[in-house]
PDB file of N, CA and C in Angstrom:
ATOM      1  N   UNK A   1      38.147  38.671  80.343  1.00  0.00           N
ATOM      2  CA  UNK A   1      37.091  39.665  80.479  1.00  0.00           C
ATOM      3  C   UNK A   1      35.953  39.048  81.298  1.00  0.00           C
ATOM      4  N   UNK A   2      35.504  39.773  82.293  1.00  0.00           N
ATOM      5  CA  UNK A   2      34.435  39.316  83.167  1.00  0.00           C
ATOM      6  C   UNK A   2      33.081  39.714  82.595  1.00  0.00           C
ATOM      7  N   UNK A   3      32.183  38.761  82.500  1.00  0.00           N
ATOM      8  CA  UNK A   3      30.809  39.056  82.101  1.00  0.00           C
ATOM      9  C   UNK A   3      30.092  39.642  83.306  1.00  0.00           C
ATOM     10  N   UNK A   4      29.510  40.818  83.143  1.00  0.00           N
ATOM     11  CA  UNK A   4      28.890  41.497  84.290  1.00  0.00           C
ATOM     12  C   UNK A   4      27.370  41.432  84.281  1.00  0.00           C
ATOM     13  N   UNK A   5      26.763  41.026  83.195  1.00  0.00           N
ATOM     14  CA  UNK A   5      25.306  41.020  83.130  1.00  0.00           C
ATOM     15  C   UNK A   5      24.769  42.433  83.232  1.00  0.00           C
ATOM     16  N   UNK A   6      23.565  42.547  83.769  1.00  0.00           N
ATOM     17  CA  UNK A   6      22.945  43.865  83.942  1.00  0.00           C
ATOM     18  C   UNK A   6      23.644  44.612  85.075  1.00  0.00           C
ATOM     19  N   UNK A   7      24.059  45.833  84.811  1.00  0.00           N
ATOM     20  CA  UNK A   7      24.709  46.649  85.832  1.00  0.00           C
ATOM     21  C   UNK A   7      23.648  47.514  86.503  1.00  0.00           C
ATOM     22  N   UNK A   8      23.613  47.429  87.829  1.00  0.00           N
ATOM     23  CA  UNK A   8      22.688  48.241  88.611  1.00  0.00           C
ATOM     24  C   UNK A   8      23.481  49.044  89.630  1.00  0.00           C
ATOM     25  N   UNK A   9      22.929  50.188  90.000  1.00  0.00           N
ATOM     26  CA  UNK A   9      23.562  51.050  91.000  1.00  0.00           C
ATOM     27  C   UNK A   9      22.537  51.364  92.083  1.00  0.00           C
ATOM     28  N   UNK A  10      23.024  51.638  93.269  1.00  0.00           N
ATOM     29  CA  UNK A  10      22.130  52.020  94.350  1.00  0.00           C
ATOM     30  C   UNK A  10      21.621  53.446  94.117  1.00  0.00           C
ATOM     31  N   UNK A  11      20.623  53.824  94.872  1.00  0.00           N
ATOM     32  CA  UNK A  11      20.034  55.163  94.717  1.00  0.00           C
ATOM     33  C   UNK A  11      21.061  56.264  94.982  1.00  0.00           C
ATOM     34  N   UNK A  12      21.914  56.070  95.965  1.00  0.00           N
ATOM     35  CA  UNK A  12      22.913  57.091  96.284  1.00  0.00           C
ATOM     36  C   UNK A  12      23.938  57.213  95.146  1.00  0.00           C
ATOM     37  N   UNK A  13      24.384  56.094  94.641  1.00  0.00           N
ATOM     38  CA  UNK A  13      25.315  56.110  93.512  1.00  0.00           C
ATOM     39  C   UNK A  13      24.669  56.805  92.324  1.00  0.00           C
ATOM     40  N   UNK A  14      23.421  56.440  92.026  1.00  0.00           N
ATOM     41  CA  UNK A  14      22.700  57.037  90.905  1.00  0.00           C
ATOM     42  C   UNK A  14      22.586  58.551  91.056  1.00  0.00           C
ATOM     43  N   UNK A  15      22.230  58.994  92.236  1.00  0.00           N
ATOM     44  CA  UNK A  15      22.085  60.428  92.481  1.00  0.00           C
ATOM     45  C   UNK A  15      23.408  61.164  92.254  1.00  0.00           C
ATOM     46  N   UNK A  16      24.482  60.611  92.772  1.00  0.00           N
ATOM     47  CA  UNK A  16      25.792  61.254  92.591  1.00  0.00           C
ATOM     48  C   UNK A  16      26.235  61.222  91.130  1.00  0.00           C
ATOM     49  N   UNK A  17      25.952  60.133  90.436  1.00  0.00           N
ATOM     50  CA  UNK A  17      26.323  60.058  89.023  1.00  0.00           C
ATOM     51  C   UNK A  17      25.580  61.104  88.202  1.00  0.00           C
ATOM     52  N   UNK A  18      24.343  61.416  88.608  1.00  0.00           N
ATOM     53  CA  UNK A  18      23.535  62.386  87.877  1.00  0.00           C
ATOM     54  C   UNK A  18      23.882  63.837  88.200  1.00  0.00           C
ATOM     55  N   UNK A  19      24.611  64.069  89.282  1.00  0.00           N
ATOM     56  CA  UNK A  19      24.925  65.439  89.681  1.00  0.00           C
ATOM     57  C   UNK A  19      26.417  65.756  89.678  1.00  0.00           C
ATOM     58  N   UNK A  20      27.250  64.741  89.487  1.00  0.00           N
ATOM     59  CA  UNK A  20      28.695  64.930  89.598  1.00  0.00           C
ATOM     60  C   UNK A  20      29.372  64.201  88.436  1.00  0.00           C
ATOM     61  N   UNK A  21      29.727  64.948  87.414  1.00  0.00           N
ATOM     62  CA  UNK A  21      30.317  64.357  86.211  1.00  0.00           C
ATOM     63  C   UNK A  21      31.613  63.605  86.508  1.00  0.00           C
ATOM     64  N   UNK A  22      32.419  64.109  87.416  1.00  0.00           N
ATOM     65  CA  UNK A  22      33.666  63.425  87.779  1.00  0.00           C
ATOM     66  C   UNK A  22      33.372  62.070  88.421  1.00  0.00           C
ATOM     67  N   UNK A  23      32.348  62.021  89.262  1.00  0.00           N
ATOM     68  CA  UNK A  23      31.969  60.756  89.888  1.00  0.00           C
ATOM     69  C   UNK A  23      31.441  59.779  88.842  1.00  0.00           C
ATOM     70  N   UNK A  24      30.627  60.272  87.915  1.00  0.00           N
ATOM     71  CA  UNK A  24      30.112  59.438  86.831  1.00  0.00           C
ATOM     72  C   UNK A  24      31.271  58.802  86.057  1.00  0.00           C
ATOM     73  N   UNK A  25      32.260  59.607  85.691  1.00  0.00           N
ATOM     74  CA  UNK A  25      33.415  59.108  84.943  1.00  0.00           C
ATOM     75  C   UNK A  25      34.199  58.082  85.767  1.00  0.00           C
ATOM     76  N   UNK A  26      34.329  58.335  87.055  1.00  0.00           N
ATOM     77  CA  UNK A  26      35.026  57.405  87.942  1.00  0.00           C
ATOM     78  C   UNK A  26      34.318  56.051  87.966  1.00  0.00           C
ATOM     79  N   UNK A  27      32.997  56.051  88.126  1.00  0.00           N
ATOM     80  CA  UNK A  27      32.239  54.793  88.165  1.00  0.00           C
ATOM     81  C   UNK A  27      32.367  54.059  86.839  1.00  0.00           C
ATOM     82  N   UNK A  28      32.250  54.775  85.746  1.00  0.00           N
ATOM     83  CA  UNK A  28      32.374  54.168  84.420  1.00  0.00           C
ATOM     84  C   UNK A  28      33.737  53.496  84.263  1.00  0.00           C
ATOM     85  N   UNK A  29      34.790  54.186  84.652  1.00  0.00           N
ATOM     86  CA  UNK A  29      36.140  53.645  84.566  1.00  0.00           C
ATOM     87  C   UNK A  29      36.318  52.451  85.501  1.00  0.00           C
ATOM     88  N   UNK A  30      35.771  52.541  86.703  1.00  0.00           N
ATOM     89  CA  UNK A  30      35.859  51.435  87.658  1.00  0.00           C
ATOM     90  C   UNK A  30      35.169  50.183  87.103  1.00  0.00           C
ATOM     91  N   UNK A  31      34.029  50.363  86.465  1.00  0.00           N
ATOM     92  CA  UNK A  31      33.336  49.216  85.854  1.00  0.00           C
ATOM     93  C   UNK A  31      34.181  48.586  84.751  1.00  0.00           C
ATOM     94  N   UNK A  32      34.835  49.406  83.963  1.00  0.00           N
ATOM     95  CA  UNK A  32      35.717  48.879  82.916  1.00  0.00           C
ATOM     96  C   UNK A  32      36.879  48.094  83.530  1.00  0.00           C
ATOM     97  N   UNK A  33      37.444  48.625  84.596  1.00  0.00           N
ATOM     98  CA  UNK A  33      38.540  47.925  85.277  1.00  0.00           C
ATOM     99  C   UNK A  33      38.058  46.586  85.832  1.00  0.00           C
ATOM    100  N   UNK A  34      36.881  46.590  86.458  1.00  0.00           N
ATOM    101  CA  UNK A  34      36.293  45.372  87.018  1.00  0.00           C
ATOM    102  C   UNK A  34      36.133  44.315  85.919  1.00  0.00           C
ATOM    103  N   UNK A  35      35.625  44.728  84.774  1.00  0.00           N
ATOM    104  CA  UNK A  35      35.447  43.797  83.650  1.00  0.00           C
ATOM    105  C   UNK A  35      36.790  43.230  83.168  1.00  0.00           C
ATOM    106  N   UNK A  36      37.836  44.042  83.240  1.00  0.00           N
ATOM    107  CA  UNK A  36      39.178  43.620  82.792  1.00  0.00           C
ATOM    108  C   UNK A  36      39.936  42.848  83.880  1.00  0.00           C
ATOM    109  N   UNK A  37      39.249  42.556  84.977  1.00  0.00           N
ATOM    110  CA  UNK A  37      39.818  41.793  86.096  1.00  0.00           C
ATOM    111  C   UNK A  37      40.866  42.574  86.882  1.00  0.00           C
ATOM    112  N   UNK A  38      40.781  43.887  86.815  1.00  0.00           N
ATOM    113  CA  UNK A  38      41.582  44.770  87.666  1.00  0.00           C
ATOM    114  C   UNK A  38      40.660  45.108  88.837  1.00  0.00           C
ATOM    115  N   UNK A  39      40.836  44.407  89.941  1.00  0.00           N
ATOM    116  CA  UNK A  39      39.895  44.481  91.055  1.00  0.00           C
ATOM    117  C   UNK A  39      40.158  45.634  92.011  1.00  0.00           C
ATOM    118  N   UNK A  40      41.052  46.511  91.636  1.00  0.00           N
ATOM    119  CA  UNK A  40      41.261  47.727  92.418  1.00  0.00           C
ATOM    120  C   UNK A  40      42.078  47.499  93.665  1.00  0.00           C
ATOM    121  N   UNK A  41      41.580  48.030  94.759  1.00  0.00           N
ATOM    122  CA  UNK A  41      42.330  48.111  96.011  1.00  0.00           C
ATOM    123  C   UNK A  41      41.937  47.010  96.993  1.00  0.00           C
ATOM    124  N   UNK A  42      42.112  45.769  96.581  1.00  0.00           N
ATOM    125  CA  UNK A  42      41.775  44.625  97.427  1.00  0.00           C
ATOM    126  C   UNK A  42      42.959  44.206  98.281  1.00  0.00           C
ATOM    127  N   UNK A  43      42.650  43.662  99.443  1.00  0.00           N
ATOM    128  CA  UNK A  43      43.698  43.031 100.240  1.00  0.00           C
ATOM    129  C   UNK A  43      44.043  41.691  99.575  1.00  0.00           C
ATOM    130  N   UNK A  44      45.135  41.094  99.981  1.00  0.00           N
ATOM    131  CA  UNK A  44      45.591  39.847  99.365  1.00  0.00           C
ATOM    132  C   UNK A  44      44.554  38.728  99.477  1.00  0.00           C
ATOM    133  N   UNK A  45      43.896  38.616 100.621  1.00  0.00           N
ATOM    134  CA  UNK A  45      42.903  37.557 100.807  1.00  0.00           C
ATOM    135  C   UNK A  45      41.716  37.723  99.858  1.00  0.00           C
ATOM    136  N   UNK A  46      41.250  38.961  99.679  1.00  0.00           N
ATOM    137  CA  UNK A  46      40.137  39.196  98.753  1.00  0.00           C
ATOM    138  C   UNK A  46      40.551  38.961  97.306  1.00  0.00           C
ATOM    139  N   UNK A  47      41.787  39.293  96.974  1.00  0.00           N
ATOM    140  CA  UNK A  47      42.277  39.027  95.627  1.00  0.00           C
ATOM    141  C   UNK A  47      42.316  37.521  95.362  1.00  0.00           C
ATOM    142  N   UNK A  48      42.809  36.758  96.326  1.00  0.00           N
ATOM    143  CA  UNK A  48      42.832  35.295  96.194  1.00  0.00           C
ATOM    144  C   UNK A  48      41.412  34.752  96.046  1.00  0.00           C
ATOM    145  N   UNK A  49      40.494  35.300  96.818  1.00  0.00           N
ATOM    146  CA  UNK A  49      39.096  34.857  96.728  1.00  0.00           C
ATOM    147  C   UNK A  49      38.526  35.135  95.337  1.00  0.00           C
ATOM    148  N   UNK A  50      38.866  36.281  94.757  1.00  0.00           N
ATOM    149  CA  UNK A  50      38.399  36.595  93.403  1.00  0.00           C
ATOM    150  C   UNK A  50      38.978  35.631  92.373  1.00  0.00           C
ATOM    151  N   UNK A  51      40.241  35.295  92.514  1.00  0.00           N
ATOM    152  CA  UNK A  51      40.853  34.362  91.565  1.00  0.00           C
ATOM    153  C   UNK A  51      40.179  32.995  91.651  1.00  0.00           C
ATOM    154  N   UNK A  52      39.834  32.571  92.844  1.00  0.00           N
ATOM    155  CA  UNK A  52      39.080  31.329  93.019  1.00  0.00           C
ATOM    156  C   UNK A  52      37.673  31.472  92.441  1.00  0.00           C
ATOM    157  N   UNK A  53      37.068  32.627  92.647  1.00  0.00           N
ATOM    158  CA  UNK A  53      35.712  32.873  92.137  1.00  0.00           C
ATOM    159  C   UNK A  53      35.661  32.784  90.622  1.00  0.00           C
ATOM    160  N   UNK A  54      36.710  33.220  89.964  1.00  0.00           N
ATOM    161  CA  UNK A  54      36.761  33.136  88.507  1.00  0.00           C
ATOM    162  C   UNK A  54      36.826  31.684  88.049  1.00  0.00           C
ATOM    163  N   UNK A  55      37.530  30.854  88.803  1.00  0.00           N
ATOM    164  CA  UNK A  55      37.633  29.429  88.463  1.00  0.00           C
ATOM    165  C   UNK A  55      36.318  28.690  88.697  1.00  0.00           C
ATOM    166  N   UNK A  56      35.632  29.041  89.785  1.00  0.00           N
ATOM    167  CA  UNK A  56      34.480  28.259  90.229  1.00  0.00           C
ATOM    168  C   UNK A  56      33.148  28.997  90.114  1.00  0.00           C
ATOM    169  N   UNK A  57      33.143  30.065  89.328  1.00  0.00           N
ATOM    170  CA  UNK A  57      31.919  30.837  89.095  1.00  0.00           C
ATOM    171  C   UNK A  57      31.231  31.272  90.391  1.00  0.00           C
ATOM    172  N   UNK A  58      31.995  31.925  91.232  1.00  0.00           N
ATOM    173  CA  UNK A  58      31.463  32.513  92.461  1.00  0.00           C
ATOM    174  C   UNK A  58      31.394  34.033  92.298  1.00  0.00           C
ATOM    175  N   UNK A  59      30.950  34.700  93.330  1.00  0.00           N
ATOM    176  CA  UNK A  59      30.825  36.157  93.313  1.00  0.00           C
ATOM    177  C   UNK A  59      32.197  36.817  93.201  1.00  0.00           C
ATOM    178  N   UNK A  60      32.272  37.897  92.420  1.00  0.00           N
ATOM    179  CA  UNK A  60      33.510  38.648  92.225  1.00  0.00           C
ATOM    180  C   UNK A  60      33.319  40.049  92.803  1.00  0.00           C
ATOM    181  N   UNK A  61      34.317  40.507  93.539  1.00  0.00           N
ATOM    182  CA  UNK A  61      34.225  41.725  94.335  1.00  0.00           C
ATOM    183  C   UNK A  61      35.398  42.643  94.021  1.00  0.00           C
ATOM    184  N   UNK A  62      35.112  43.929  93.805  1.00  0.00           N
ATOM    185  CA  UNK A  62      36.166  44.920  93.587  1.00  0.00           C
ATOM    186  C   UNK A  62      35.955  46.119  94.503  1.00  0.00           C
ATOM    187  N   UNK A  63      37.050  46.805  94.804  1.00  0.00           N
ATOM    188  CA  UNK A  63      37.035  48.012  95.628  1.00  0.00           C
ATOM    189  C   UNK A  63      37.866  49.079  94.923  1.00  0.00           C
ATOM    190  N   UNK A  64      37.288  50.268  94.799  1.00  0.00           N
ATOM    191  CA  UNK A  64      37.998  51.378  94.156  1.00  0.00           C
ATOM    192  C   UNK A  64      37.874  52.634  95.016  1.00  0.00           C
ATOM    193  N   UNK A  65      39.023  53.187  95.390  1.00  0.00           N
ATOM    194  CA  UNK A  65      39.027  54.441  96.146  1.00  0.00           C
ATOM    195  C   UNK A  65      38.794  55.604  95.192  1.00  0.00           C
ATOM    196  N   UNK A  66      37.976  56.544  95.621  1.00  0.00           N
ATOM    197  CA  UNK A  66      37.680  57.711  94.803  1.00  0.00           C
ATOM    198  C   UNK A  66      38.932  58.579  94.676  1.00  0.00           C
ATOM    199  N   UNK A  67      39.205  59.064  93.478  1.00  0.00           N
ATOM    200  CA  UNK A  67      40.364  59.951  93.307  1.00  0.00           C
ATOM    201  C   UNK A  67      40.086  61.324  93.918  1.00  0.00           C
ATOM    202  N   UNK A  68      41.136  62.085  94.102  1.00  0.00           N
ATOM    203  CA  UNK A  68      41.018  63.407  94.730  1.00  0.00           C
ATOM    204  C   UNK A  68      40.126  64.370  93.939  1.00  0.00           C
ATOM    205  N   UNK A  69      40.036  64.189  92.623  1.00  0.00           N
ATOM    206  CA  UNK A  69      39.238  65.118  91.822  1.00  0.00           C
ATOM    207  C   UNK A  69      37.731  64.867  91.926  1.00  0.00           C
ATOM    208  N   UNK A  70      37.335  63.821  92.647  1.00  0.00           N
ATOM    209  CA  UNK A  70      35.910  63.527  92.833  1.00  0.00           C
ATOM    210  C   UNK A  70      35.491  64.038  94.201  1.00  0.00           C
ATOM    211  N   UNK A  71      34.659  65.053  94.204  1.00  0.00           N
ATOM    212  CA  UNK A  71      34.192  65.650  95.452  1.00  0.00           C
ATOM    213  C   UNK A  71      33.027  64.825  95.984  1.00  0.00           C
ATOM    214  N   UNK A  72      33.252  64.124  97.083  1.00  0.00           N
ATOM    215  CA  UNK A  72      32.222  63.260  97.655  1.00  0.00           C
ATOM    216  C   UNK A  72      32.482  63.058  99.138  1.00  0.00           C
ATOM    217  N   UNK A  73      31.433  62.723  99.865  1.00  0.00           N
ATOM    218  CA  UNK A  73      31.567  62.390 101.285  1.00  0.00           C
ATOM    219  C   UNK A  73      32.061  60.966 101.480  1.00  0.00           C
ATOM    220  N   UNK A  74      32.163  60.221 100.415  1.00  0.00           N
ATOM    221  CA  UNK A  74      32.533  58.808 100.483  1.00  0.00           C
ATOM    222  C   UNK A  74      33.951  58.618  99.979  1.00  0.00           C
ATOM    223  N   UNK A  75      34.607  57.544 100.442  1.00  0.00           N
ATOM    224  CA  UNK A  75      35.997  57.334 100.057  1.00  0.00           C
ATOM    225  C   UNK A  75      36.200  56.220  99.041  1.00  0.00           C
ATOM    226  N   UNK A  76      35.229  55.304  98.921  1.00  0.00           N
ATOM    227  CA  UNK A  76      35.407  54.198  97.988  1.00  0.00           C
ATOM    228  C   UNK A  76      34.061  53.626  97.574  1.00  0.00           C
ATOM    229  N   UNK A  77      34.097  52.844  96.485  1.00  0.00           N
ATOM    230  CA  UNK A  77      32.918  52.113  96.035  1.00  0.00           C
ATOM    231  C   UNK A  77      33.258  50.635  95.972  1.00  0.00           C
ATOM    232  N   UNK A  78      32.216  49.825  96.058  1.00  0.00           N
ATOM    233  CA  UNK A  78      32.317  48.391  95.816  1.00  0.00           C
ATOM    234  C   UNK A  78      31.619  48.096  94.499  1.00  0.00           C
ATOM    235  N   UNK A  79      32.147  47.133  93.775  1.00  0.00           N
ATOM    236  CA  UNK A  79      31.472  46.587  92.603  1.00  0.00           C
ATOM    237  C   UNK A  79      31.434  45.082  92.790  1.00  0.00           C
ATOM    238  N   UNK A  80      30.229  44.518  92.727  1.00  0.00           N
ATOM    239  CA  UNK A  80      30.045  43.091  92.992  1.00  0.00           C
ATOM    240  C   UNK A  80      29.293  42.458  91.826  1.00  0.00           C
ATOM    241  N   UNK A  81      29.916  41.445  91.226  1.00  0.00           N
ATOM    242  CA  UNK A  81      29.250  40.656  90.192  1.00  0.00           C
ATOM    243  C   UNK A  81      28.821  39.340  90.822  1.00  0.00           C
ATOM    244  N   UNK A  82      27.545  39.031  90.675  1.00  0.00           N
ATOM    245  CA  UNK A  82      26.986  37.824  91.285  1.00  0.00           C
ATOM    246  C   UNK A  82      27.538  36.560  90.631  1.00  0.00           C
ATOM    247  N   UNK A  83      27.457  35.466  91.335  1.00  0.00           N
ATOM    248  CA  UNK A  83      28.017  34.198  90.884  1.00  0.00           C
ATOM    249  C   UNK A  83      27.476  33.768  89.524  1.00  0.00           C
ATOM    250  N   UNK A  84      26.192  34.029  89.267  1.00  0.00           N
ATOM    251  CA  UNK A  84      25.606  33.618  87.983  1.00  0.00           C
ATOM    252  C   UNK A  84      25.924  34.598  86.859  1.00  0.00           C
ATOM    253  N   UNK A  85      26.638  35.680  87.179  1.00  0.00           N
ATOM    254  CA  UNK A  85      27.061  36.720  86.236  1.00  0.00           C
ATOM    255  C   UNK A  85      25.887  37.456  85.587  1.00  0.00           C
ATOM    256  N   UNK A  86      24.701  37.364  86.194  1.00  0.00           N
ATOM    257  CA  UNK A  86      23.514  38.027  85.649  1.00  0.00           C
ATOM    258  C   UNK A  86      23.439  39.494  86.051  1.00  0.00           C
ATOM    259  N   UNK A  87      24.027  39.849  87.195  1.00  0.00           N
ATOM    260  CA  UNK A  87      23.951  41.220  87.701  1.00  0.00           C
ATOM    261  C   UNK A  87      25.275  41.648  88.310  1.00  0.00           C
ATOM    262  N   UNK A  88      25.545  42.927  88.153  1.00  0.00           N
ATOM    263  CA  UNK A  88      26.666  43.567  88.830  1.00  0.00           C
ATOM    264  C   UNK A  88      26.122  44.806  89.514  1.00  0.00           C
ATOM    265  N   UNK A  89      26.485  45.000  90.763  1.00  0.00           N
ATOM    266  CA  UNK A  89      25.986  46.119  91.560  1.00  0.00           C
ATOM    267  C   UNK A  89      27.122  47.045  91.949  1.00  0.00           C
ATOM    268  N   UNK A  90      26.886  48.344  91.813  1.00  0.00           N
ATOM    269  CA  UNK A  90      27.825  49.365  92.271  1.00  0.00           C
ATOM    270  C   UNK A  90      27.200  50.006  93.503  1.00  0.00           C
ATOM    271  N   UNK A  91      27.952  50.049  94.590  1.00  0.00           N
ATOM    272  CA  UNK A  91      27.418  50.555  95.850  1.00  0.00           C
ATOM    273  C   UNK A  91      28.543  51.104  96.728  1.00  0.00           C
ATOM    274  N   UNK A  92      28.139  51.839  97.753  1.00  0.00           N
ATOM    275  CA  UNK A  92      29.083  52.293  98.764  1.00  0.00           C
ATOM    276  C   UNK A  92      29.161  51.241  99.856  1.00  0.00           C
ATOM    277  N   UNK A  93      30.297  51.153 100.566  1.00  0.00           N
ATOM    278  CA  UNK A  93      30.461  50.125 101.584  1.00  0.00           C
ATOM    279  C   UNK A  93      29.344  50.094 102.631  1.00  0.00           C
ATOM    280  N   UNK A  94      28.848  51.243 103.042  1.00  0.00           N
ATOM    281  CA  UNK A  94      27.803  51.240 104.077  1.00  0.00           C
ATOM    282  C   UNK A  94      26.478  50.689 103.552  1.00  0.00           C
ATOM    283  N   UNK A  95      26.353  50.501 102.236  1.00  0.00           N
ATOM    284  CA  UNK A  95      25.132  49.951 101.653  1.00  0.00           C
ATOM    285  C   UNK A  95      25.221  48.429 101.490  1.00  0.00           C
ATOM    286  N   UNK A  96      26.360  47.860 101.801  1.00  0.00           N
ATOM    287  CA  UNK A  96      26.585  46.425 101.606  1.00  0.00           C
ATOM    288  C   UNK A  96      25.803  45.607 102.603  1.00  0.00           C
TER     289      UNK A  96
END
């Protein structure tokens, strides 16, 4: 189980979570997956980097594509837990 610390979201994520119940549920589920070390839709290199990050306390990165039932202009979210495990951020790729 990954320690995520304080979870923060960007303004756009927050706005969508407050107006779109399906999106809210998706983010909640994605955070649970991230904590369980299910990093979503990563390429092999990013997955290897995450496995190393777990060993050496580096930043952990996840990618989750939005399901079809979530009406949004965006296709995926990133979830990033900082190396010190004090904060985890949910954001869209263009906000990275």
